[in-house]
Amino acid sequence: MCWLPVCVILLMELQVSSQERVEGFTRGKVILPCRYNVMPIEEVTIFWRYKDDRNVYNIVSGKADLTDQDRQFRDRTRMFPEEWANGNFSLLLTDLKDIDSGSYSCFIPTMNILRQVEFSVQE
C-alpha cells in the first residue's frame, strides 16, 4: 500500500506559522512562545519538541504528561496551566545551556497547527 499520497495530504493540511527567533543567556531562563485560539481545557493536547523528535513537554487532554520527557529537559521546564484557557501554551525553559540552542516546535494536533521557534543561547 502506498502511504505517500496520505503523507502529502497531511502535510498540505498542516498549518505552519512563521518561525520565531528567541535568544537567551547561559544559566538564564527563557519563554518559548506558543499561542492559539481558546479551546476547552479538557481538549487541550500540545506537544513541545526539540529538533522535531525530542520530547520537551506534553499536555494530553488538559494535563501535563512528562513521563517520556527527554533527559536534557528534566526539572528545567514549566508551563502555565492557568493560561491554557486563554490559548497560551508558551514554555518556560530554565538553567539554559549551549546545547539548548536549536529548533523547537509546539504542535497542536487537534487543530493541525505547528508553531516553530528558533532558539539560541548566548554566553
Foldseek 3Di string as FASTA:
>chain_A
DDCVVVVVVLVVQAAEDDEAEDEAAAQAKDKAWFFDAADPLQCFWKFKAFPPDAGQWIQHRNRTDCPRHDPVRPPFKDFDSVCNRRRTGIMMGGNDDQVSFGKMWMAGVVNSYIYIYGYGYDD
